Amino acid sequence: MIDARVGGIRAALDAEGFQNVYIMSYTAKYASSFYGPFREALDSNPRFGDKKTYQIDPANYREALIEAREDESEGADILLSIS
């Protein structure tokens, strides 16, 4: 998720009395070749550019761990990571 978004969502929920609502953070999305066949089947390949600008390099696991820790510290209850 975008930095500090989890914290903002948690604060807004808590302020409205929704302390028991869980937040699932899409912590890390890796730039993976696994998406290719799926996108081709759905004819949803990017029309221009690529999505690697907001995806994590699979070899850079440290960045994924940092992002996960940040989301957890902001109040995420579930961390989702997709490769």
C-alpha atoms as a PDB file:
ATOM      1  CA  MET A   1       0.000   0.000   0.000  1.00  0.00           C
ATOM      2  CA  ILE A   2       1.016   3.611  -0.315  1.00  0.00           C
ATOM      3  CA  ASP A   3       3.169   4.706   2.614  1.00  0.00           C
ATOM      4  CA  ALA A   4       1.125   5.846   5.634  1.00  0.00           C
ATOM      5  CA  ARG A   5      -2.169   4.767   4.034  1.00  0.00           C
ATOM      6  CA  VAL A   6      -2.692   1.954   6.544  1.00  0.00           C
ATOM      7  CA  GLY A   7      -2.175   4.378   9.417  1.00  0.00           C
ATOM      8  CA  GLY A   8      -4.691   6.799   7.934  1.00  0.00           C
ATOM      9  CA  ILE A   9      -7.273   4.087   7.419  1.00  0.00           C
ATOM     10  CA  ARG A  10      -6.724   2.737  10.951  1.00  0.00           C
ATOM     11  CA  ALA A  11      -7.069   6.217  12.472  1.00  0.00           C
ATOM     12  CA  ALA A  12     -10.277   6.915  10.532  1.00  0.00           C
ATOM     13  CA  LEU A  13     -11.826   3.582  11.489  1.00  0.00           C
ATOM     14  CA  ASP A  14     -10.881   3.969  15.139  1.00  0.00           C
ATOM     15  CA  ALA A  15     -12.235   7.517  15.256  1.00  0.00           C
ATOM     16  CA  GLU A  16     -15.626   6.270  14.051  1.00  0.00           C
ATOM     17  CA  GLY A  17     -15.723   3.415  16.576  1.00  0.00           C
ATOM     18  CA  PHE A  18     -14.682   0.610  14.248  1.00  0.00           C
ATOM     19  CA  GLN A  19     -11.737  -0.729  16.256  1.00  0.00           C
ATOM     20  CA  ASN A  20     -12.744  -4.331  15.469  1.00  0.00           C
ATOM     21  CA  VAL A  21     -12.604  -3.884  11.686  1.00  0.00           C
ATOM     22  CA  TYR A  22      -9.525  -5.571  10.259  1.00  0.00           C
ATOM     23  CA  ILE A  23      -7.259  -4.007   7.684  1.00  0.00           C
ATOM     24  CA  MET A  24      -5.590  -6.191   5.078  1.00  0.00           C
ATOM     25  CA  SER A  25      -2.595  -4.500   3.518  1.00  0.00           C
ATOM     26  CA  TYR A  26      -1.411  -5.394   0.033  1.00  0.00           C
ATOM     27  CA  THR A  27       2.125  -5.135   1.375  1.00  0.00           C
ATOM     28  CA  ALA A  28       4.267  -6.328  -1.509  1.00  0.00           C
ATOM     29  CA  LYS A  29       3.525  -7.010  -5.148  1.00  0.00           C
ATOM     30  CA  TYR A  30       6.468  -8.470  -6.992  1.00  0.00           C
ATOM     31  CA  ALA A  31       7.390  -7.843 -10.603  1.00  0.00           C
ATOM     32  CA  SER A  32       6.855 -11.424 -11.697  1.00  0.00           C
ATOM     33  CA  SER A  33       6.494 -13.264 -14.980  1.00  0.00           C
ATOM     34  CA  PHE A  34       3.652 -15.299 -13.451  1.00  0.00           C
ATOM     35  CA  TYR A  35       1.193 -12.557 -14.409  1.00  0.00           C
ATOM     36  CA  GLY A  36       1.901 -12.853 -18.143  1.00  0.00           C
ATOM     37  CA  PRO A  37      -0.307 -15.861 -18.963  1.00  0.00           C
ATOM     38  CA  PHE A  38      -3.115 -14.522 -16.763  1.00  0.00           C
ATOM     39  CA  ARG A  39      -3.045 -11.118 -18.455  1.00  0.00           C
ATOM     40  CA  GLU A  40      -2.930 -12.717 -21.898  1.00  0.00           C
ATOM     41  CA  ALA A  41      -5.940 -14.916 -21.115  1.00  0.00           C
ATOM     42  CA  LEU A  42      -7.929 -11.871 -20.011  1.00  0.00           C
ATOM     43  CA  ASP A  43      -6.502  -9.634 -22.730  1.00  0.00           C
ATOM     44  CA  SER A  44      -5.439  -7.219 -19.993  1.00  0.00           C
ATOM     45  CA  ASN A  45      -1.805  -6.580 -20.844  1.00  0.00           C
ATOM     46  CA  PRO A  46      -0.721  -2.989 -20.215  1.00  0.00           C
ATOM     47  CA  ARG A  47      -1.447  -0.791 -23.226  1.00  0.00           C
ATOM     48  CA  PHE A  48       1.745   1.172 -22.604  1.00  0.00           C
ATOM     49  CA  GLY A  49       4.735   1.011 -20.270  1.00  0.00           C
ATOM     50  CA  ASP A  50       4.911  -1.596 -17.561  1.00  0.00           C
ATOM     51  CA  LYS A  51       3.907  -1.942 -13.944  1.00  0.00           C
ATOM     52  CA  LYS A  52       7.390  -2.518 -12.573  1.00  0.00           C
ATOM     53  CA  THR A  53       7.564   1.040 -11.278  1.00  0.00           C
ATOM     54  CA  TYR A  54       5.347   0.099  -8.334  1.00  0.00           C
ATOM     55  CA  GLN A  55       6.281  -3.563  -8.008  1.00  0.00           C
ATOM     56  CA  ILE A  56       9.143  -4.964  -5.976  1.00  0.00           C
ATOM     57  CA  ASP A  57      12.053  -6.731  -7.623  1.00  0.00           C
ATOM     58  CA  PRO A  58      11.764 -10.386  -6.463  1.00  0.00           C
ATOM     59  CA  ALA A  59      15.482 -10.391  -5.638  1.00  0.00           C
ATOM     60  CA  ASN A  60      15.017  -7.478  -3.213  1.00  0.00           C
ATOM     61  CA  TYR A  61      13.361  -9.277  -0.304  1.00  0.00           C
ATOM     62  CA  ARG A  62      14.666  -6.680   2.148  1.00  0.00           C
ATOM     63  CA  GLU A  63      12.390  -4.015   0.673  1.00  0.00           C
ATOM     64  CA  ALA A  64       9.387  -6.328   1.070  1.00  0.00           C
ATOM     65  CA  LEU A  65      10.252  -6.902   4.736  1.00  0.00           C
ATOM     66  CA  ILE A  66      10.579  -3.159   5.337  1.00  0.00           C
ATOM     67  CA  GLU A  67       7.195  -2.503   3.708  1.00  0.00           C
ATOM     68  CA  ALA A  68       5.569  -5.286   5.740  1.00  0.00           C
ATOM     69  CA  ARG A  69       6.970  -3.936   9.004  1.00  0.00           C
ATOM     70  CA  GLU A  70       5.784  -0.417   8.167  1.00  0.00           C
ATOM     71  CA  ASP A  71       2.252  -1.589   7.413  1.00  0.00           C
ATOM     72  CA  GLU A  72       2.184  -3.668  10.594  1.00  0.00           C
ATOM     73  CA  SER A  73       3.370  -0.728  12.705  1.00  0.00           C
ATOM     74  CA  GLU A  74       0.605   1.446  11.173  1.00  0.00           C
ATOM     75  CA  GLY A  75      -2.067  -1.036  12.250  1.00  0.00           C
ATOM     76  CA  ALA A  76      -2.489  -3.617   9.479  1.00  0.00           C
ATOM     77  CA  ASP A  77      -3.993  -6.849  10.784  1.00  0.00           C
ATOM     78  CA  ILE A  78      -3.298  -8.977   7.705  1.00  0.00           C
ATOM     79  CA  LEU A  79      -0.340  -8.637   5.326  1.00  0.00           C
ATOM     80  CA  LEU A  80      -0.742  -9.818   1.744  1.00  0.00           C
ATOM     81  CA  SER A  81       2.220 -10.381  -0.519  1.00  0.00           C
ATOM     82  CA  ILE A  82       1.836 -11.624  -4.103  1.00  0.00           C
ATOM     83  CA  SER A  83       4.553 -12.936  -6.364  1.00  0.00           C
END
